[in-house]
Amino acid sequence: MAYAQDGSKEPSRIQRLVEAILPAVSATKGMPGDWAHNAEIKNVKDNVKYAASSSPIVSKALEEKTLSLAGGIYDLKTGRVTIVT
């Protein structure tokens, strides 16, 4: 969130991850609730959408209903996965 707020940089490998989630962070800024959690959910949804459209094979399988995609958030503390719809 600091990068979105003030441009603070992280070590190079982490910075690439920060920049990858930045569109979701920016899109959720100002929404009600926890900004980080909202950005996390938006990022998962964006990535599922990207996975569904980035490959003709995947797109076709989704159309034919021989494949389905789901996104989820893994909680390191509890070990639980919450499906994001």
Protein backbone atom coordinates (compact mmCIF):
# COMPACT_ATOMS: atom_id res chain seq x y z
CA MET A 1 0.00 0.00 0.00
CA ALA A 2 2.90 2.35 0.67
CA TYR A 3 3.91 2.20 -2.99
CA ALA A 4 0.41 3.25 -4.04
CA GLN A 5 0.37 6.01 -1.46
CA ASP A 6 3.86 7.47 -1.67
CA GLY A 7 5.93 5.51 -4.20
CA SER A 8 8.02 3.67 -1.59
CA LYS A 9 10.08 0.96 -3.30
CA GLU A 10 10.76 -2.57 -2.09
CA PRO A 11 13.67 -4.93 -2.93
CA SER A 12 13.54 -5.81 -6.65
CA ARG A 13 11.74 -9.17 -6.46
CA ILE A 14 9.14 -7.85 -4.05
CA GLN A 15 8.77 -4.67 -6.10
CA ARG A 16 7.67 -6.71 -9.14
CA LEU A 17 4.90 -8.26 -7.04
CA VAL A 18 3.93 -4.84 -5.69
CA GLU A 19 3.67 -3.46 -9.23
CA ALA A 20 1.63 -6.49 -10.36
CA ILE A 21 -1.04 -5.87 -7.72
CA LEU A 22 -1.00 -2.08 -8.15
CA PRO A 23 -3.99 -2.00 -10.57
CA ALA A 24 -6.16 -3.72 -7.96
CA VAL A 25 -4.83 -1.46 -5.22
CA SER A 26 -5.60 1.64 -7.26
CA ALA A 27 -9.05 0.39 -8.26
CA THR A 28 -10.10 -0.23 -4.66
CA LYS A 29 -8.73 2.93 -3.07
CA GLY A 30 -11.52 4.75 -1.24
CA MET A 31 -13.90 1.77 -1.16
CA PRO A 32 -15.61 1.00 2.15
CA GLY A 33 -13.89 -1.60 4.29
CA ASP A 34 -10.26 -2.67 4.53
CA TRP A 35 -8.27 -1.38 1.57
CA ALA A 36 -5.75 -4.24 1.60
CA HIS A 37 -8.47 -6.89 1.72
CA ASN A 38 -10.46 -5.18 -1.04
CA ALA A 39 -7.32 -5.02 -3.20
CA GLU A 40 -6.58 -8.69 -2.50
CA ILE A 41 -10.06 -9.74 -3.66
CA LYS A 42 -9.89 -7.49 -6.75
CA ASN A 43 -6.48 -8.90 -7.63
CA VAL A 44 -7.76 -12.48 -7.43
CA LYS A 45 -10.77 -11.63 -9.62
CA ASP A 46 -8.54 -9.85 -12.15
CA ASN A 47 -6.21 -12.83 -12.33
CA VAL A 48 -9.04 -15.31 -12.82
CA LYS A 49 -10.38 -13.12 -15.62
CA TYR A 50 -6.90 -12.95 -17.17
CA ALA A 51 -6.44 -16.73 -16.91
CA ALA A 52 -9.81 -17.25 -18.58
CA SER A 53 -8.98 -15.03 -21.54
CA SER A 54 -5.22 -15.39 -22.01
CA SER A 55 -5.25 -18.80 -23.65
CA PRO A 56 -7.45 -19.94 -26.53
CA ILE A 57 -7.37 -23.47 -25.10
CA VAL A 58 -8.61 -22.31 -21.71
CA SER A 59 -11.20 -20.00 -23.25
CA LYS A 60 -12.56 -22.82 -25.40
CA ALA A 61 -12.69 -25.25 -22.48
CA LEU A 62 -14.58 -22.68 -20.42
CA GLU A 63 -17.06 -22.13 -23.26
CA GLU A 64 -17.56 -25.88 -23.63
CA LYS A 65 -17.93 -26.19 -19.85
CA THR A 66 -15.18 -28.81 -19.66
CA LEU A 67 -13.21 -26.51 -17.38
CA SER A 68 -14.03 -24.09 -14.64
CA LEU A 69 -11.80 -21.58 -12.90
CA ALA A 70 -11.95 -20.35 -9.36
CA GLY A 71 -9.85 -17.89 -7.45
CA GLY A 72 -9.02 -18.14 -3.82
CA ILE A 73 -7.19 -16.48 -0.98
CA TYR A 74 -4.96 -18.62 1.21
CA ASP A 75 -4.73 -17.54 4.85
CA LEU A 76 -1.24 -18.27 6.17
CA LYS A 77 -2.40 -18.16 9.80
CA THR A 78 -5.27 -20.62 9.50
CA GLY A 79 -4.35 -22.62 6.40
CA ARG A 80 -7.82 -21.98 5.01
CA VAL A 81 -8.64 -21.05 1.44
CA THR A 82 -11.51 -18.68 0.82
CA ILE A 83 -12.99 -18.95 -2.67
CA VAL A 84 -13.46 -15.57 -4.35
CA THR A 85 -16.42 -15.32 -6.71
